[in-house]
């Protein structure tokens, strides 16, 4: 059985979206399809079993939370 899903993260502006995209792409390259669209980043997940799907989704969300905290707490300017 194939398990497919999409996760979309929205940001306040294009610079923050680009920062998040580039930060997460290093870890996700060759594992997830990702796309930067103005102020959002979209991920497509496609796995053969629910366990792999859930582990990947959990890891992606946890990593994004770290990026979001860095953006918020440092007032990072790209």
PDB file of N, CA and C in Angstrom:
ATOM      1  N   UNK A   1       0.837  -1.171   0.000  1.00  0.00           N
ATOM      2  CA  UNK A   1       0.000   0.000   0.000  1.00  0.00           C
ATOM      3  C   UNK A   1       0.890   1.246   0.000  1.00  0.00           C
ATOM      4  N   UNK A   2       0.521   2.208  -0.791  1.00  0.00           N
ATOM      5  CA  UNK A   2       1.234   3.482  -0.847  1.00  0.00           C
ATOM      6  C   UNK A   2       0.567   4.481   0.094  1.00  0.00           C
ATOM      7  N   UNK A   3       1.395   5.197   0.837  1.00  0.00           N
ATOM      8  CA  UNK A   3       0.917   6.262   1.713  1.00  0.00           C
ATOM      9  C   UNK A   3       1.479   7.567   1.154  1.00  0.00           C
ATOM     10  N   UNK A   4       0.601   8.494   0.805  1.00  0.00           N
ATOM     11  CA  UNK A   4       1.020   9.772   0.237  1.00  0.00           C
ATOM     12  C   UNK A   4       0.413  10.910   1.032  1.00  0.00           C
ATOM     13  N   UNK A   5       1.148  12.009   1.095  1.00  0.00           N
ATOM     14  CA  UNK A   5       0.637  13.184   1.773  1.00  0.00           C
ATOM     15  C   UNK A   5       1.461  14.405   1.440  1.00  0.00           C
ATOM     16  N   UNK A   6       0.932  15.544   1.770  1.00  0.00           N
ATOM     17  CA  UNK A   6       1.609  16.820   1.553  1.00  0.00           C
ATOM     18  C   UNK A   6       1.624  17.603   2.852  1.00  0.00           C
ATOM     19  N   UNK A   7       2.731  18.285   3.085  1.00  0.00           N
ATOM     20  CA  UNK A   7       2.857  19.180   4.236  1.00  0.00           C
ATOM     21  C   UNK A   7       3.288  20.528   3.694  1.00  0.00           C
ATOM     22  N   UNK A   8       2.595  21.564   4.140  1.00  0.00           N
ATOM     23  CA  UNK A   8       2.898  22.921   3.686  1.00  0.00           C
ATOM     24  C   UNK A   8       3.138  23.807   4.899  1.00  0.00           C
ATOM     25  N   UNK A   9       4.275  24.506   4.880  1.00  0.00           N
ATOM     26  CA  UNK A   9       4.610  25.467   5.928  1.00  0.00           C
ATOM     27  C   UNK A   9       4.517  26.864   5.329  1.00  0.00           C
ATOM     28  N   UNK A  10       3.783  27.745   5.990  1.00  0.00           N
ATOM     29  CA  UNK A  10       3.645  29.137   5.550  1.00  0.00           C
ATOM     30  C   UNK A  10       4.444  30.048   6.473  1.00  0.00           C
ATOM     31  N   UNK A  11       5.056  31.062   5.878  1.00  0.00           N
ATOM     32  CA  UNK A  11       5.901  31.998   6.614  1.00  0.00           C
ATOM     33  C   UNK A  11       5.424  33.420   6.394  1.00  0.00           C
ATOM     34  N   UNK A  12       5.918  34.332   7.221  1.00  0.00           N
ATOM     35  CA  UNK A  12       5.516  35.737   7.133  1.00  0.00           C
ATOM     36  C   UNK A  12       5.968  36.408   5.842  1.00  0.00           C
ATOM     37  N   UNK A  13       7.084  35.924   5.293  1.00  0.00           N
ATOM     38  CA  UNK A  13       7.613  36.546   4.084  1.00  0.00           C
ATOM     39  C   UNK A  13       8.461  35.548   3.290  1.00  0.00           C
ATOM     40  N   UNK A  14       8.839  35.951   2.098  1.00  0.00           N
ATOM     41  CA  UNK A  14       9.611  35.077   1.207  1.00  0.00           C
ATOM     42  C   UNK A  14      11.005  34.780   1.757  1.00  0.00           C
ATOM     43  N   UNK A  15      11.610  35.755   2.441  1.00  0.00           N
ATOM     44  CA  UNK A  15      12.950  35.540   2.988  1.00  0.00           C
ATOM     45  C   UNK A  15      12.952  34.428   4.033  1.00  0.00           C
ATOM     46  N   UNK A  16      11.970  34.425   4.921  1.00  0.00           N
ATOM     47  CA  UNK A  16      11.894  33.372   5.931  1.00  0.00           C
ATOM     48  C   UNK A  16      11.589  32.019   5.299  1.00  0.00           C
ATOM     49  N   UNK A  17      10.751  32.019   4.283  1.00  0.00           N
ATOM     50  CA  UNK A  17      10.451  30.765   3.579  1.00  0.00           C
ATOM     51  C   UNK A  17      11.712  30.215   2.920  1.00  0.00           C
ATOM     52  N   UNK A  18      12.486  31.095   2.315  1.00  0.00           N
ATOM     53  CA  UNK A  18      13.724  30.667   1.659  1.00  0.00           C
ATOM     54  C   UNK A  18      14.724  30.137   2.679  1.00  0.00           C
ATOM     55  N   UNK A  19      14.831  30.802   3.819  1.00  0.00           N
ATOM     56  CA  UNK A  19      15.729  30.352   4.876  1.00  0.00           C
ATOM     57  C   UNK A  19      15.331  28.959   5.358  1.00  0.00           C
ATOM     58  N   UNK A  20      14.039  28.755   5.601  1.00  0.00           N
ATOM     59  CA  UNK A  20      13.559  27.445   6.052  1.00  0.00           C
ATOM     60  C   UNK A  20      13.803  26.388   4.982  1.00  0.00           C
ATOM     61  N   UNK A  21      13.484  26.709   3.753  1.00  0.00           N
ATOM     62  CA  UNK A  21      13.680  25.773   2.640  1.00  0.00           C
ATOM     63  C   UNK A  21      15.136  25.332   2.548  1.00  0.00           C
ATOM     64  N   UNK A  22      16.043  26.296   2.546  1.00  0.00           N
ATOM     65  CA  UNK A  22      17.463  25.972   2.405  1.00  0.00           C
ATOM     66  C   UNK A  22      18.009  25.234   3.625  1.00  0.00           C
ATOM     67  N   UNK A  23      17.509  25.556   4.801  1.00  0.00           N
ATOM     68  CA  UNK A  23      17.949  24.873   6.019  1.00  0.00           C
ATOM     69  C   UNK A  23      17.507  23.419   6.037  1.00  0.00           C
ATOM     70  N   UNK A  24      16.281  23.156   5.612  1.00  0.00           N
ATOM     71  CA  UNK A  24      15.748  21.803   5.656  1.00  0.00           C
ATOM     72  C   UNK A  24      16.134  20.966   4.446  1.00  0.00           C
ATOM     73  N   UNK A  25      16.430  21.604   3.338  1.00  0.00           N
ATOM     74  CA  UNK A  25      16.733  20.878   2.101  1.00  0.00           C
ATOM     75  C   UNK A  25      17.970  19.996   2.246  1.00  0.00           C
ATOM     76  N   UNK A  26      18.933  20.425   3.003  1.00  0.00           N
ATOM     77  CA  UNK A  26      20.165  19.658   3.203  1.00  0.00           C
ATOM     78  C   UNK A  26      19.845  18.263   3.725  1.00  0.00           C
ATOM     79  N   UNK A  27      18.952  18.190   4.693  1.00  0.00           N
ATOM     80  CA  UNK A  27      18.587  16.914   5.305  1.00  0.00           C
ATOM     81  C   UNK A  27      17.583  16.131   4.467  1.00  0.00           C
ATOM     82  N   UNK A  28      16.758  16.823   3.698  1.00  0.00           N
ATOM     83  CA  UNK A  28      15.676  16.170   2.965  1.00  0.00           C
ATOM     84  C   UNK A  28      15.999  15.821   1.524  1.00  0.00           C
ATOM     85  N   UNK A  29      17.100  16.325   1.011  1.00  0.00           N
ATOM     86  CA  UNK A  29      17.473  16.080  -0.377  1.00  0.00           C
ATOM     87  C   UNK A  29      17.538  14.580  -0.650  1.00  0.00           C
ATOM     88  N   UNK A  30      16.958  14.157  -1.742  1.00  0.00           N
ATOM     89  CA  UNK A  30      16.890  12.762  -2.180  1.00  0.00           C
ATOM     90  C   UNK A  30      15.895  11.921  -1.377  1.00  0.00           C
ATOM     91  N   UNK A  31      15.209  12.509  -0.392  1.00  0.00           N
ATOM     92  CA  UNK A  31      14.210  11.776   0.392  1.00  0.00           C
ATOM     93  C   UNK A  31      12.806  12.318   0.182  1.00  0.00           C
ATOM     94  N   UNK A  32      12.703  13.615   0.038  1.00  0.00           N
ATOM     95  CA  UNK A  32      11.405  14.264  -0.109  1.00  0.00           C
ATOM     96  C   UNK A  32      11.425  15.218  -1.289  1.00  0.00           C
ATOM     97  N   UNK A  33      10.306  15.323  -1.947  1.00  0.00           N
ATOM     98  CA  UNK A  33      10.165  16.364  -2.956  1.00  0.00           C
ATOM     99  C   UNK A  33       9.752  17.624  -2.214  1.00  0.00           C
ATOM    100  N   UNK A  34      10.446  18.707  -2.504  1.00  0.00           N
ATOM    101  CA  UNK A  34      10.116  19.969  -1.846  1.00  0.00           C
ATOM    102  C   UNK A  34      10.079  21.081  -2.875  1.00  0.00           C
ATOM    103  N   UNK A  35       9.281  22.101  -2.560  1.00  0.00           N
ATOM    104  CA  UNK A  35       9.129  23.214  -3.475  1.00  0.00           C
ATOM    105  C   UNK A  35       8.947  24.507  -2.683  1.00  0.00           C
ATOM    106  N   UNK A  36       9.718  25.497  -3.063  1.00  0.00           N
ATOM    107  CA  UNK A  36       9.621  26.829  -2.468  1.00  0.00           C
ATOM    108  C   UNK A  36       8.674  27.656  -3.325  1.00  0.00           C
ATOM    109  N   UNK A  37       7.604  28.168  -2.714  1.00  0.00           N
ATOM    110  CA  UNK A  37       6.603  28.971  -3.425  1.00  0.00           C
ATOM    111  C   UNK A  37       6.343  30.260  -2.653  1.00  0.00           C
ATOM    112  N   UNK A  38       6.996  31.319  -3.057  1.00  0.00           N
ATOM    113  CA  UNK A  38       6.849  32.625  -2.422  1.00  0.00           C
ATOM    114  C   UNK A  38       7.054  32.518  -0.911  1.00  0.00           C
ATOM    115  N   UNK A  39       5.996  32.604  -0.099  1.00  0.00           N
ATOM    116  CA  UNK A  39       6.182  32.574   1.351  1.00  0.00           C
ATOM    117  C   UNK A  39       5.802  31.220   1.959  1.00  0.00           C
ATOM    118  N   UNK A  40       5.896  30.149   1.180  1.00  0.00           N
ATOM    119  CA  UNK A  40       5.600  28.819   1.707  1.00  0.00           C
ATOM    120  C   UNK A  40       6.574  27.783   1.163  1.00  0.00           C
ATOM    121  N   UNK A  41       6.674  26.682   1.901  1.00  0.00           N
ATOM    122  CA  UNK A  41       7.471  25.542   1.473  1.00  0.00           C
ATOM    123  C   UNK A  41       6.550  24.326   1.527  1.00  0.00           C
ATOM    124  N   UNK A  42       6.508  23.568   0.426  1.00  0.00           N
ATOM    125  CA  UNK A  42       5.628  22.410   0.334  1.00  0.00           C
ATOM    126  C   UNK A  42       6.456  21.137   0.167  1.00  0.00           C
ATOM    127  N   UNK A  43       6.049  20.109   0.892  1.00  0.00           N
ATOM    128  CA  UNK A  43       6.727  18.813   0.840  1.00  0.00           C
ATOM    129  C   UNK A  43       5.732  17.743   0.420  1.00  0.00           C
ATOM    130  N   UNK A  44       6.184  16.823  -0.433  1.00  0.00           N
ATOM    131  CA  UNK A  44       5.378  15.674  -0.840  1.00  0.00           C
ATOM    132  C   UNK A  44       6.009  14.426  -0.262  1.00  0.00           C
ATOM    133  N   UNK A  45       5.222  13.664   0.472  1.00  0.00           N
ATOM    134  CA  UNK A  45       5.689  12.419   1.074  1.00  0.00           C
ATOM    135  C   UNK A  45       5.036  11.258   0.340  1.00  0.00           C
ATOM    136  N   UNK A  46       5.817  10.235   0.032  1.00  0.00           N
ATOM    137  CA  UNK A  46       5.326   9.074  -0.707  1.00  0.00           C
ATOM    138  C   UNK A  46       6.087   7.844  -0.216  1.00  0.00           C
ATOM    139  N   UNK A  47       5.417   7.000   0.568  1.00  0.00           N
ATOM    140  CA  UNK A  47       6.081   5.854   1.187  1.00  0.00           C
ATOM    141  C   UNK A  47       5.265   4.579   1.005  1.00  0.00           C
ATOM    142  N   UNK A  48       5.936   3.459   1.197  1.00  0.00           N
ATOM    143  CA  UNK A  48       5.296   2.155   1.048  1.00  0.00           C
ATOM    144  C   UNK A  48       4.609   1.681   2.324  1.00  0.00           C
ATOM    145  N   UNK A  49       4.935   2.307   3.455  1.00  0.00           N
ATOM    146  CA  UNK A  49       4.279   1.876   4.696  1.00  0.00           C
ATOM    147  C   UNK A  49       4.059   3.064   5.619  1.00  0.00           C
ATOM    148  N   UNK A  50       3.091   2.910   6.481  1.00  0.00           N
ATOM    149  CA  UNK A  50       2.680   4.001   7.365  1.00  0.00           C
ATOM    150  C   UNK A  50       3.771   4.388   8.359  1.00  0.00           C
ATOM    151  N   UNK A  51       4.561   3.423   8.800  1.00  0.00           N
ATOM    152  CA  UNK A  51       5.629   3.708   9.752  1.00  0.00           C
ATOM    153  C   UNK A  51       6.652   4.679   9.190  1.00  0.00           C
ATOM    154  N   UNK A  52       7.115   4.426   7.977  1.00  0.00           N
ATOM    155  CA  UNK A  52       8.088   5.317   7.338  1.00  0.00           C
ATOM    156  C   UNK A  52       7.486   6.696   7.091  1.00  0.00           C
ATOM    157  N   UNK A  53       6.238   6.701   6.663  1.00  0.00           N
ATOM    158  CA  UNK A  53       5.547   7.968   6.420  1.00  0.00           C
ATOM    159  C   UNK A  53       5.478   8.804   7.698  1.00  0.00           C
ATOM    160  N   UNK A  54       5.043   8.183   8.783  1.00  0.00           N
ATOM    161  CA  UNK A  54       4.897   8.906  10.048  1.00  0.00           C
ATOM    162  C   UNK A  54       6.241   9.360  10.617  1.00  0.00           C
ATOM    163  N   UNK A  55       7.275   8.531  10.510  1.00  0.00           N
ATOM    164  CA  UNK A  55       8.603   8.930  11.003  1.00  0.00           C
ATOM    165  C   UNK A  55       9.135  10.127  10.220  1.00  0.00           C
ATOM    166  N   UNK A  56       8.949  10.100   8.910  1.00  0.00           N
ATOM    167  CA  UNK A  56       9.423  11.205   8.085  1.00  0.00           C
ATOM    168  C   UNK A  56       8.647  12.482   8.380  1.00  0.00           C
ATOM    169  N   UNK A  57       7.326  12.376   8.481  1.00  0.00           N
ATOM    170  CA  UNK A  57       6.506  13.551   8.793  1.00  0.00           C
ATOM    171  C   UNK A  57       6.903  14.136  10.148  1.00  0.00           C
ATOM    172  N   UNK A  58       7.089  13.277  11.134  1.00  0.00           N
ATOM    173  CA  UNK A  58       7.484  13.723  12.470  1.00  0.00           C
ATOM    174  C   UNK A  58       8.839  14.420  12.441  1.00  0.00           C
ATOM    175  N   UNK A  59       9.798  13.844  11.751  1.00  0.00           N
ATOM    176  CA  UNK A  59      11.133  14.430  11.648  1.00  0.00           C
ATOM    177  C   UNK A  59      11.078  15.785  10.934  1.00  0.00           C
ATOM    178  N   UNK A  60      10.308  15.860   9.867  1.00  0.00           N
ATOM    179  CA  UNK A  60      10.181  17.107   9.114  1.00  0.00           C
ATOM    180  C   UNK A  60       9.574  18.207   9.981  1.00  0.00           C
ATOM    181  N   UNK A  61       8.518  17.884  10.688  1.00  0.00           N
ATOM    182  CA  UNK A  61       7.854  18.879  11.544  1.00  0.00           C
ATOM    183  C   UNK A  61       8.769  19.315  12.687  1.00  0.00           C
ATOM    184  N   UNK A  62       9.463  18.370  13.302  1.00  0.00           N
ATOM    185  CA  UNK A  62      10.389  18.714  14.388  1.00  0.00           C
ATOM    186  C   UNK A  62      11.507  19.621  13.882  1.00  0.00           C
ATOM    187  N   UNK A  63      12.038  19.334  12.710  1.00  0.00           N
ATOM    188  CA  UNK A  63      13.103  20.157  12.136  1.00  0.00           C
ATOM    189  C   UNK A  63      12.595  21.552  11.800  1.00  0.00           C
ATOM    190  N   UNK A  64      11.378  21.648  11.284  1.00  0.00           N
ATOM    191  CA  UNK A  64      10.813  22.942  10.946  1.00  0.00           C
ATOM    192  C   UNK A  64      10.582  23.773  12.204  1.00  0.00           C
ATOM    193  N   UNK A  65      10.189  23.142  13.283  1.00  0.00           N
ATOM    194  CA  UNK A  65       9.993  23.864  14.541  1.00  0.00           C
ATOM    195  C   UNK A  65      11.306  24.507  14.990  1.00  0.00           C
ATOM    196  N   UNK A  66      12.406  23.816  14.828  1.00  0.00           N
ATOM    197  CA  UNK A  66      13.720  24.373  15.189  1.00  0.00           C
ATOM    198  C   UNK A  66      14.018  25.596  14.321  1.00  0.00           C
ATOM    199  N   UNK A  67      13.806  25.470  13.015  1.00  0.00           N
ATOM    200  CA  UNK A  67      14.052  26.600  12.113  1.00  0.00           C
ATOM    201  C   UNK A  67      13.162  27.783  12.496  1.00  0.00           C
ATOM    202  N   UNK A  68      11.899  27.515  12.778  1.00  0.00           N
ATOM    203  CA  UNK A  68      10.965  28.576  13.151  1.00  0.00           C
ATOM    204  C   UNK A  68      11.396  29.285  14.436  1.00  0.00           C
ATOM    205  N   UNK A  69      11.885  28.521  15.416  1.00  0.00           N
ATOM    206  CA  UNK A  69      12.363  29.125  16.659  1.00  0.00           C
ATOM    207  C   UNK A  69      13.587  29.994  16.418  1.00  0.00           C
ATOM    208  N   UNK A  70      14.466  29.552  15.539  1.00  0.00           N
ATOM    209  CA  UNK A  70      15.651  30.352  15.213  1.00  0.00           C
ATOM    210  C   UNK A  70      15.231  31.662  14.557  1.00  0.00           C
ATOM    211  N   UNK A  71      14.323  31.586  13.608  1.00  0.00           N
ATOM    212  CA  UNK A  71      13.841  32.803  12.931  1.00  0.00           C
ATOM    213  C   UNK A  71      13.211  33.754  13.945  1.00  0.00           C
ATOM    214  N   UNK A  72      12.360  33.231  14.797  1.00  0.00           N
ATOM    215  CA  UNK A  72      11.631  34.052  15.767  1.00  0.00           C
ATOM    216  C   UNK A  72      12.542  34.644  16.833  1.00  0.00           C
ATOM    217  N   UNK A  73      13.436  33.831  17.375  1.00  0.00           N
ATOM    218  CA  UNK A  73      14.246  34.275  18.509  1.00  0.00           C
ATOM    219  C   UNK A  73      15.466  35.087  18.134  1.00  0.00           C
ATOM    220  N   UNK A  74      15.877  35.049  16.896  1.00  0.00           N
ATOM    221  CA  UNK A  74      17.063  35.796  16.509  1.00  0.00           C
ATOM    222  C   UNK A  74      16.741  36.990  15.619  1.00  0.00           C
ATOM    223  N   UNK A  75      15.480  37.112  15.211  1.00  0.00           N
ATOM    224  CA  UNK A  75      15.112  38.144  14.232  1.00  0.00           C
ATOM    225  C   UNK A  75      16.048  38.096  13.042  1.00  0.00           C
ATOM    226  N   UNK A  76      16.344  36.880  12.612  1.00  0.00           N
ATOM    227  CA  UNK A  76      17.283  36.657  11.507  1.00  0.00           C
ATOM    228  C   UNK A  76      16.810  37.368  10.248  1.00  0.00           C
ATOM    229  N   UNK A  77      17.731  38.044   9.628  1.00  0.00           N
ATOM    230  CA  UNK A  77      17.453  38.712   8.338  1.00  0.00           C
ATOM    231  C   UNK A  77      18.259  38.005   7.267  1.00  0.00           C
ATOM    232  N   UNK A  78      17.587  37.524   6.261  1.00  0.00           N
ATOM    233  CA  UNK A  78      18.242  36.774   5.187  1.00  0.00           C
ATOM    234  C   UNK A  78      18.869  37.708   4.217  1.00  0.00           C
TER     235      UNK A  78
END
